[in-house]
């Protein structure tokens, strides 16, 4: 079953989908690391996991300023992840194939995130971003006939 609402719209973003794929591909590569490198492995997996989570959290915040900030956090996690990839590759802890697969997807993801930030910055400047979310709820489930309209805004 596919759930749809405004708050889950991030799932339609190509960068979010790529970030989830990056995490999916990162996990098995770093799970193969020996026990003495468990901290390195754990950090690599956590950094890749952080990317998609920050994209989603920023999207759900509704304020463009917060959204952009979370995208920058996602970019930071991606930078941490790529730095780890490069270090592990130089230490000969990754196969060439694993490194290239992850590095290529990270490059695509980084460019996508940068383009998304640029697009949102334009929306912020030209005022085309709408940061309010209208919620209509039926009180019938609560035994009332009134349908209130609430405006939720995270604008500072």
N, C-alpha and C. Protein backbone atom coordinates (compact mmCIF):
# COMPACT_ATOMS: atom_id res chain seq x y z
N UNK A 1 0.84 -1.18 0.00
CA UNK A 1 0.00 0.00 0.00
C UNK A 1 0.89 1.24 0.00
N UNK A 2 0.59 2.17 -0.87
CA UNK A 2 1.35 3.41 -0.95
C UNK A 2 0.60 4.52 -0.25
N UNK A 3 1.26 5.18 0.70
CA UNK A 3 0.66 6.28 1.43
C UNK A 3 1.03 7.58 0.74
N UNK A 4 0.04 8.47 0.63
CA UNK A 4 0.29 9.76 0.00
C UNK A 4 -0.30 10.87 0.83
N UNK A 5 0.49 11.87 1.12
CA UNK A 5 0.03 13.13 1.67
C UNK A 5 1.16 14.13 1.48
N UNK A 6 0.89 15.40 1.78
CA UNK A 6 1.90 16.42 1.56
C UNK A 6 3.18 16.17 2.36
N UNK A 7 3.04 15.63 3.54
CA UNK A 7 4.20 15.44 4.40
C UNK A 7 5.12 14.33 3.89
N UNK A 8 4.62 13.45 3.03
CA UNK A 8 5.45 12.37 2.49
C UNK A 8 5.90 12.65 1.06
N UNK A 9 5.74 13.88 0.63
CA UNK A 9 6.12 14.25 -0.73
C UNK A 9 7.59 14.09 -1.02
N UNK A 10 8.43 14.10 0.01
CA UNK A 10 9.87 13.92 -0.18
C UNK A 10 10.17 12.60 -0.88
N UNK A 11 9.27 11.62 -0.74
CA UNK A 11 9.49 10.31 -1.35
C UNK A 11 9.47 10.38 -2.88
N UNK A 12 8.92 11.47 -3.42
CA UNK A 12 8.91 11.66 -4.86
C UNK A 12 10.18 12.32 -5.36
N UNK A 13 10.98 12.86 -4.46
CA UNK A 13 12.21 13.54 -4.84
C UNK A 13 13.27 12.53 -5.29
N UNK A 14 13.86 12.78 -6.43
CA UNK A 14 14.90 11.89 -6.94
C UNK A 14 16.10 11.83 -5.98
N UNK A 15 16.43 12.97 -5.36
CA UNK A 15 17.57 12.97 -4.43
C UNK A 15 17.29 12.09 -3.21
N UNK A 16 16.05 12.08 -2.73
CA UNK A 16 15.73 11.22 -1.60
C UNK A 16 15.84 9.75 -2.02
N UNK A 17 15.30 9.43 -3.20
CA UNK A 17 15.37 8.06 -3.71
C UNK A 17 16.82 7.62 -3.90
N UNK A 18 17.66 8.53 -4.44
CA UNK A 18 19.07 8.21 -4.61
C UNK A 18 19.77 8.04 -3.26
N UNK A 19 19.38 8.84 -2.28
CA UNK A 19 19.98 8.74 -0.95
C UNK A 19 19.63 7.40 -0.29
N UNK A 20 18.40 6.96 -0.46
CA UNK A 20 18.00 5.65 0.08
C UNK A 20 18.79 4.55 -0.63
N UNK A 21 18.95 4.68 -1.93
CA UNK A 21 19.72 3.69 -2.69
C UNK A 21 21.18 3.70 -2.25
N UNK A 22 21.73 4.87 -2.01
CA UNK A 22 23.11 4.98 -1.54
C UNK A 22 23.28 4.26 -0.20
N UNK A 23 22.32 4.45 0.70
CA UNK A 23 22.35 3.74 1.99
C UNK A 23 22.25 2.23 1.77
N UNK A 24 21.33 1.82 0.90
CA UNK A 24 21.13 0.40 0.63
C UNK A 24 22.41 -0.25 0.11
N UNK A 25 23.12 0.44 -0.75
CA UNK A 25 24.36 -0.10 -1.32
C UNK A 25 25.54 -0.02 -0.35
N UNK A 26 25.51 0.96 0.53
CA UNK A 26 26.60 1.14 1.50
C UNK A 26 26.60 0.03 2.56
N UNK A 27 25.43 -0.34 3.02
CA UNK A 27 25.34 -1.31 4.12
C UNK A 27 26.09 -2.62 3.87
N UNK A 28 25.82 -3.33 2.78
CA UNK A 28 26.52 -4.61 2.61
C UNK A 28 28.03 -4.47 2.42
N UNK A 29 28.46 -3.36 1.82
CA UNK A 29 29.89 -3.16 1.60
C UNK A 29 30.61 -3.04 2.95
N UNK A 30 30.06 -2.25 3.85
CA UNK A 30 30.74 -2.01 5.13
C UNK A 30 30.46 -3.09 6.18
N UNK A 31 29.40 -3.85 6.00
CA UNK A 31 29.16 -4.98 6.91
C UNK A 31 30.23 -6.06 6.76
N UNK A 32 30.88 -6.09 5.61
CA UNK A 32 31.93 -7.09 5.36
C UNK A 32 33.25 -6.75 6.05
N UNK A 33 33.36 -5.56 6.60
CA UNK A 33 34.60 -5.16 7.25
C UNK A 33 34.88 -6.05 8.45
N UNK A 34 36.15 -6.29 8.76
CA UNK A 34 36.50 -7.13 9.91
C UNK A 34 36.12 -6.46 11.23
N UNK A 35 36.06 -7.25 12.27
CA UNK A 35 35.63 -6.79 13.59
C UNK A 35 36.44 -5.59 14.08
N UNK A 36 37.73 -5.59 13.87
CA UNK A 36 38.56 -4.49 14.37
C UNK A 36 38.26 -3.15 13.68
N UNK A 37 37.52 -3.18 12.59
CA UNK A 37 37.12 -1.95 11.89
C UNK A 37 35.62 -1.67 12.06
N UNK A 38 35.03 -2.21 13.13
CA UNK A 38 33.58 -2.05 13.32
C UNK A 38 33.18 -0.59 13.50
N UNK A 39 34.04 0.23 14.13
CA UNK A 39 33.71 1.64 14.32
C UNK A 39 33.72 2.37 12.97
N UNK A 40 34.69 2.08 12.14
CA UNK A 40 34.76 2.66 10.80
C UNK A 40 33.52 2.26 10.00
N UNK A 41 33.20 0.98 10.07
CA UNK A 41 32.04 0.45 9.37
C UNK A 41 30.74 1.11 9.85
N UNK A 42 30.60 1.19 11.16
CA UNK A 42 29.40 1.79 11.75
C UNK A 42 29.26 3.25 11.36
N UNK A 43 30.35 4.00 11.37
CA UNK A 43 30.30 5.41 10.98
C UNK A 43 29.94 5.57 9.51
N UNK A 44 30.47 4.71 8.67
CA UNK A 44 30.16 4.78 7.23
C UNK A 44 28.68 4.54 6.99
N UNK A 45 28.13 3.55 7.65
CA UNK A 45 26.71 3.25 7.49
C UNK A 45 25.86 4.38 8.06
N UNK A 46 26.24 4.89 9.22
CA UNK A 46 25.47 5.98 9.85
C UNK A 46 25.49 7.25 9.00
N UNK A 47 26.63 7.58 8.42
CA UNK A 47 26.71 8.78 7.58
C UNK A 47 25.81 8.64 6.35
N UNK A 48 25.81 7.47 5.74
CA UNK A 48 24.96 7.27 4.56
C UNK A 48 23.47 7.27 4.94
N UNK A 49 23.16 6.78 6.13
CA UNK A 49 21.79 6.77 6.62
C UNK A 49 21.29 8.19 6.90
N UNK A 50 22.17 9.03 7.36
CA UNK A 50 21.81 10.40 7.72
C UNK A 50 21.35 11.23 6.52
N UNK A 51 21.83 10.92 5.35
CA UNK A 51 21.53 11.73 4.16
C UNK A 51 20.03 11.72 3.85
N UNK A 52 19.45 10.56 3.66
CA UNK A 52 18.02 10.51 3.31
C UNK A 52 17.15 11.01 4.45
N UNK A 53 17.59 10.77 5.69
CA UNK A 53 16.81 11.23 6.84
C UNK A 53 16.75 12.76 6.91
N UNK A 54 17.84 13.43 6.61
CA UNK A 54 17.84 14.89 6.64
C UNK A 54 17.08 15.50 5.48
N UNK A 55 17.09 14.86 4.34
CA UNK A 55 16.27 15.34 3.22
C UNK A 55 14.80 15.28 3.63
N UNK A 56 14.39 14.16 4.19
CA UNK A 56 12.99 14.00 4.62
C UNK A 56 12.63 14.97 5.72
N UNK A 57 13.48 15.10 6.73
CA UNK A 57 13.15 15.98 7.85
C UNK A 57 13.03 17.44 7.39
N UNK A 58 13.94 17.87 6.54
CA UNK A 58 13.85 19.23 6.03
C UNK A 58 12.58 19.47 5.24
N UNK A 59 12.22 18.52 4.40
CA UNK A 59 11.00 18.63 3.60
C UNK A 59 9.78 18.77 4.51
N UNK A 60 9.76 18.01 5.56
CA UNK A 60 8.61 17.99 6.47
C UNK A 60 8.54 19.22 7.37
N UNK A 61 9.59 20.00 7.45
CA UNK A 61 9.59 21.19 8.30
C UNK A 61 8.72 22.31 7.73
N UNK A 62 8.54 22.36 6.44
CA UNK A 62 7.69 23.32 5.73
C UNK A 62 8.31 24.71 5.59
N UNK A 63 9.13 25.17 6.50
CA UNK A 63 9.79 26.46 6.36
C UNK A 63 10.94 26.29 5.37
N UNK A 64 11.01 27.16 4.39
CA UNK A 64 12.07 27.02 3.38
C UNK A 64 13.45 27.17 3.99
N UNK A 65 13.57 28.04 4.97
CA UNK A 65 14.87 28.23 5.62
C UNK A 65 15.32 26.94 6.32
N UNK A 66 14.41 26.30 7.03
CA UNK A 66 14.74 25.03 7.70
C UNK A 66 15.01 23.93 6.68
N UNK A 67 14.19 23.89 5.63
CA UNK A 67 14.36 22.87 4.59
C UNK A 67 15.77 22.96 4.01
N UNK A 68 16.18 24.15 3.64
CA UNK A 68 17.51 24.35 3.06
C UNK A 68 18.59 23.96 4.07
N UNK A 69 18.40 24.32 5.33
CA UNK A 69 19.38 23.97 6.37
C UNK A 69 19.55 22.45 6.47
N UNK A 70 18.44 21.72 6.43
CA UNK A 70 18.54 20.25 6.51
C UNK A 70 19.19 19.67 5.26
N UNK A 71 18.99 20.30 4.12
CA UNK A 71 19.67 19.83 2.90
C UNK A 71 21.18 20.04 3.03
N UNK A 72 21.57 21.14 3.66
CA UNK A 72 23.01 21.34 3.91
C UNK A 72 23.55 20.31 4.89
N UNK A 73 22.76 19.91 5.87
CA UNK A 73 23.18 18.84 6.78
C UNK A 73 23.34 17.54 6.00
N UNK A 74 22.40 17.27 5.09
CA UNK A 74 22.50 16.07 4.24
C UNK A 74 23.78 16.12 3.40
N UNK A 75 24.08 17.29 2.85
CA UNK A 75 25.33 17.44 2.09
C UNK A 75 26.55 17.21 2.98
N UNK A 76 26.48 17.66 4.23
CA UNK A 76 27.58 17.41 5.16
C UNK A 76 27.77 15.93 5.43
N UNK A 77 26.66 15.22 5.62
CA UNK A 77 26.74 13.78 5.83
C UNK A 77 27.28 13.07 4.60
N UNK A 78 26.89 13.56 3.44
CA UNK A 78 27.41 12.98 2.20
C UNK A 78 28.91 13.23 2.09
N UNK A 79 29.35 14.43 2.46
CA UNK A 79 30.78 14.73 2.45
C UNK A 79 31.55 13.81 3.39
N UNK A 80 30.99 13.59 4.58
CA UNK A 80 31.60 12.67 5.54
C UNK A 80 31.69 11.27 4.94
N UNK A 81 30.63 10.84 4.29
CA UNK A 81 30.59 9.51 3.71
C UNK A 81 31.62 9.36 2.59
N UNK A 82 31.70 10.35 1.72
CA UNK A 82 32.65 10.28 0.60
C UNK A 82 34.09 10.32 1.12
N UNK A 83 34.34 11.13 2.13
CA UNK A 83 35.68 11.16 2.73
C UNK A 83 36.06 9.78 3.25
N UNK A 84 35.11 9.12 3.90
CA UNK A 84 35.36 7.76 4.38
C UNK A 84 35.61 6.78 3.25
N UNK A 85 34.84 6.93 2.17
CA UNK A 85 35.05 6.06 1.01
C UNK A 85 36.47 6.20 0.47
N UNK A 86 36.90 7.45 0.32
CA UNK A 86 38.23 7.71 -0.23
C UNK A 86 39.31 7.15 0.70
N UNK A 87 39.16 7.37 2.00
CA UNK A 87 40.14 6.86 2.96
C UNK A 87 40.19 5.34 2.93
N UNK A 88 39.02 4.70 2.89
CA UNK A 88 38.97 3.23 2.86
C UNK A 88 39.56 2.69 1.56
N UNK A 89 39.31 3.40 0.47
CA UNK A 89 39.88 2.97 -0.81
C UNK A 89 41.40 3.08 -0.78
N UNK A 90 41.92 4.18 -0.25
CA UNK A 90 43.37 4.37 -0.16
C UNK A 90 44.01 3.36 0.80
N UNK A 91 43.26 2.93 1.80
CA UNK A 91 43.75 1.92 2.75
C UNK A 91 43.53 0.50 2.21
N UNK A 92 43.04 0.41 0.99
CA UNK A 92 42.78 -0.87 0.32
C UNK A 92 41.80 -1.74 1.09
N UNK A 93 40.79 -1.09 1.67
CA UNK A 93 39.75 -1.80 2.41
C UNK A 93 38.48 -1.98 1.58
N UNK A 94 38.44 -1.35 0.41
CA UNK A 94 37.30 -1.47 -0.51
C UNK A 94 37.78 -2.01 -1.84
N UNK A 95 36.94 -2.79 -2.48
CA UNK A 95 37.26 -3.20 -3.84
C UNK A 95 37.08 -2.00 -4.75
N UNK A 96 37.73 -2.03 -5.89
CA UNK A 96 37.60 -0.95 -6.87
C UNK A 96 36.14 -0.84 -7.31
N UNK A 97 35.50 -1.97 -7.50
CA UNK A 97 34.09 -1.98 -7.93
C UNK A 97 33.18 -1.33 -6.89
N UNK A 98 33.35 -1.70 -5.61
CA UNK A 98 32.52 -1.10 -4.55
C UNK A 98 32.77 0.40 -4.46
N UNK A 99 34.04 0.80 -4.50
CA UNK A 99 34.35 2.22 -4.43
C UNK A 99 33.71 2.98 -5.59
N UNK A 100 33.86 2.49 -6.80
CA UNK A 100 33.32 3.20 -7.97
C UNK A 100 31.80 3.27 -7.93
N UNK A 101 31.16 2.19 -7.53
CA UNK A 101 29.69 2.18 -7.45
C UNK A 101 29.20 3.23 -6.46
N UNK A 102 29.77 3.22 -5.27
CA UNK A 102 29.34 4.17 -4.23
C UNK A 102 29.75 5.60 -4.57
N UNK A 103 30.97 5.79 -5.07
CA UNK A 103 31.44 7.12 -5.41
C UNK A 103 30.63 7.74 -6.54
N UNK A 104 30.28 6.95 -7.55
CA UNK A 104 29.48 7.47 -8.66
C UNK A 104 28.09 7.90 -8.20
N UNK A 105 27.47 7.08 -7.36
CA UNK A 105 26.14 7.44 -6.85
C UNK A 105 26.24 8.65 -5.93
N UNK A 106 27.29 8.73 -5.13
CA UNK A 106 27.48 9.89 -4.25
C UNK A 106 27.64 11.16 -5.07
N UNK A 107 28.37 11.08 -6.17
CA UNK A 107 28.56 12.24 -7.05
C UNK A 107 27.22 12.70 -7.63
N UNK A 108 26.43 11.75 -8.10
CA UNK A 108 25.10 12.08 -8.63
C UNK A 108 24.22 12.70 -7.55
N UNK A 109 24.25 12.13 -6.37
CA UNK A 109 23.46 12.61 -5.25
C UNK A 109 23.89 14.02 -4.84
N UNK A 110 25.19 14.25 -4.78
CA UNK A 110 25.70 15.57 -4.41
C UNK A 110 25.23 16.63 -5.41
N UNK A 111 25.34 16.34 -6.69
CA UNK A 111 24.89 17.30 -7.70
C UNK A 111 23.39 17.54 -7.61
N UNK A 112 22.62 16.49 -7.34
CA UNK A 112 21.18 16.63 -7.19
C UNK A 112 20.81 17.48 -5.99
N UNK A 113 21.49 17.27 -4.88
CA UNK A 113 21.24 18.07 -3.68
C UNK A 113 21.59 19.54 -3.92
N UNK A 114 22.72 19.79 -4.56
CA UNK A 114 23.12 21.16 -4.85
C UNK A 114 22.11 21.86 -5.76
N UNK A 115 21.59 21.15 -6.75
CA UNK A 115 20.57 21.72 -7.64
C UNK A 115 19.28 22.00 -6.89
N UNK A 116 18.91 21.10 -5.98
CA UNK A 116 17.70 21.31 -5.18
C UNK A 116 17.85 22.53 -4.29
N UNK A 117 18.99 22.68 -3.65
CA UNK A 117 19.25 23.85 -2.80
C UNK A 117 19.18 25.12 -3.64
N UNK A 118 19.80 25.10 -4.81
CA UNK A 118 19.77 26.27 -5.70
C UNK A 118 18.34 26.63 -6.08
N UNK A 119 17.54 25.63 -6.42
CA UNK A 119 16.15 25.85 -6.78
C UNK A 119 15.36 26.45 -5.62
N UNK A 120 15.58 25.92 -4.42
CA UNK A 120 14.88 26.45 -3.24
C UNK A 120 15.34 27.86 -2.89
N UNK A 121 16.62 28.13 -3.07
CA UNK A 121 17.12 29.50 -2.83
C UNK A 121 16.41 30.49 -3.77
N UNK A 122 16.19 30.09 -5.03
CA UNK A 122 15.46 30.95 -5.97
C UNK A 122 14.03 31.18 -5.49
N UNK A 123 13.38 30.12 -5.01
CA UNK A 123 12.01 30.25 -4.50
C UNK A 123 11.96 31.17 -3.29
N UNK A 124 12.97 31.09 -2.45
CA UNK A 124 13.04 31.94 -1.27
C UNK A 124 13.17 33.41 -1.69
N UNK A 125 14.01 33.67 -2.68
CA UNK A 125 14.25 35.04 -3.14
C UNK A 125 13.03 35.61 -3.85
N UNK A 126 12.41 34.82 -4.74
CA UNK A 126 11.28 35.36 -5.50
C UNK A 126 9.94 35.25 -4.77
N UNK A 127 9.95 34.64 -3.57
CA UNK A 127 8.75 34.58 -2.75
C UNK A 127 7.71 33.57 -3.20
N UNK A 128 8.10 32.61 -4.02
CA UNK A 128 7.12 31.64 -4.53
C UNK A 128 6.94 30.43 -3.62
N UNK A 129 7.65 30.37 -2.50
CA UNK A 129 7.52 29.25 -1.57
C UNK A 129 6.32 29.48 -0.65
N UNK A 130 5.48 28.48 -0.49
CA UNK A 130 4.35 28.54 0.43
C UNK A 130 4.69 27.63 1.60
N UNK A 131 4.78 28.23 2.80
CA UNK A 131 5.20 27.41 3.94
C UNK A 131 4.07 27.12 4.92
N UNK A 132 2.83 27.27 4.46
CA UNK A 132 1.73 26.92 5.34
C UNK A 132 1.10 25.63 4.84
N UNK A 133 0.60 24.87 5.77
CA UNK A 133 -0.02 23.60 5.47
C UNK A 133 -1.42 23.63 6.06
N UNK A 134 -2.43 23.63 5.20
CA UNK A 134 -3.81 23.68 5.66
C UNK A 134 -4.24 22.26 6.04
N UNK A 135 -4.78 22.14 7.24
CA UNK A 135 -5.24 20.84 7.72
C UNK A 135 -6.72 20.93 8.01
N UNK A 136 -7.49 20.05 7.40
CA UNK A 136 -8.93 19.98 7.67
C UNK A 136 -9.20 18.62 8.27
N UNK A 137 -9.88 18.62 9.39
CA UNK A 137 -10.14 17.37 10.08
C UNK A 137 -11.63 17.30 10.40
N UNK A 138 -12.20 16.16 10.19
CA UNK A 138 -13.59 15.97 10.53
C UNK A 138 -13.70 15.56 11.99
N UNK A 139 -14.56 16.26 12.71
CA UNK A 139 -14.77 15.91 14.11
C UNK A 139 -15.83 14.82 14.26
N UNK A 140 -16.34 14.29 13.15
CA UNK A 140 -17.34 13.24 13.21
C UNK A 140 -16.82 12.04 14.01
N UNK A 141 -15.54 11.76 13.86
CA UNK A 141 -14.94 10.64 14.58
C UNK A 141 -14.94 10.89 16.09
N UNK A 142 -15.07 12.17 16.47
CA UNK A 142 -15.06 12.52 17.89
C UNK A 142 -16.46 12.82 18.40
N UNK A 143 -17.47 12.59 17.54
CA UNK A 143 -18.84 12.82 17.95
C UNK A 143 -19.30 14.26 17.80
N UNK A 144 -18.60 15.05 17.00
CA UNK A 144 -18.99 16.45 16.76
C UNK A 144 -19.23 16.65 15.27
N UNK A 145 -20.04 17.65 14.93
CA UNK A 145 -20.36 17.91 13.54
C UNK A 145 -19.51 19.04 12.94
N UNK A 146 -18.73 19.72 13.74
CA UNK A 146 -17.96 20.86 13.27
C UNK A 146 -16.69 20.38 12.57
N UNK A 147 -16.33 21.02 11.46
CA UNK A 147 -15.09 20.72 10.77
C UNK A 147 -14.20 21.95 10.86
N UNK A 148 -13.24 21.93 11.81
CA UNK A 148 -12.37 23.09 11.98
C UNK A 148 -11.32 23.18 10.88
N UNK A 149 -10.85 24.36 10.63
CA UNK A 149 -9.74 24.58 9.72
C UNK A 149 -8.60 25.15 10.53
N UNK A 150 -7.50 24.47 10.52
CA UNK A 150 -6.32 24.90 11.27
C UNK A 150 -5.23 25.27 10.29
N UNK A 151 -4.53 26.36 10.56
CA UNK A 151 -3.39 26.71 9.73
C UNK A 151 -2.15 26.45 10.53
N UNK A 152 -1.27 25.64 9.96
CA UNK A 152 -0.01 25.29 10.60
C UNK A 152 1.09 25.98 9.84
N UNK A 153 1.88 26.77 10.53
CA UNK A 153 2.98 27.45 9.88
C UNK A 153 4.18 27.43 10.79
N UNK A 154 5.32 27.08 10.23
CA UNK A 154 6.57 27.08 10.98
C UNK A 154 7.38 28.32 10.70
N UNK A 155 6.76 29.34 10.13
CA UNK A 155 7.49 30.55 9.81
C UNK A 155 7.95 31.22 11.09
N UNK A 156 9.24 31.51 11.18
CA UNK A 156 9.76 32.12 12.42
C UNK A 156 9.26 33.53 12.62
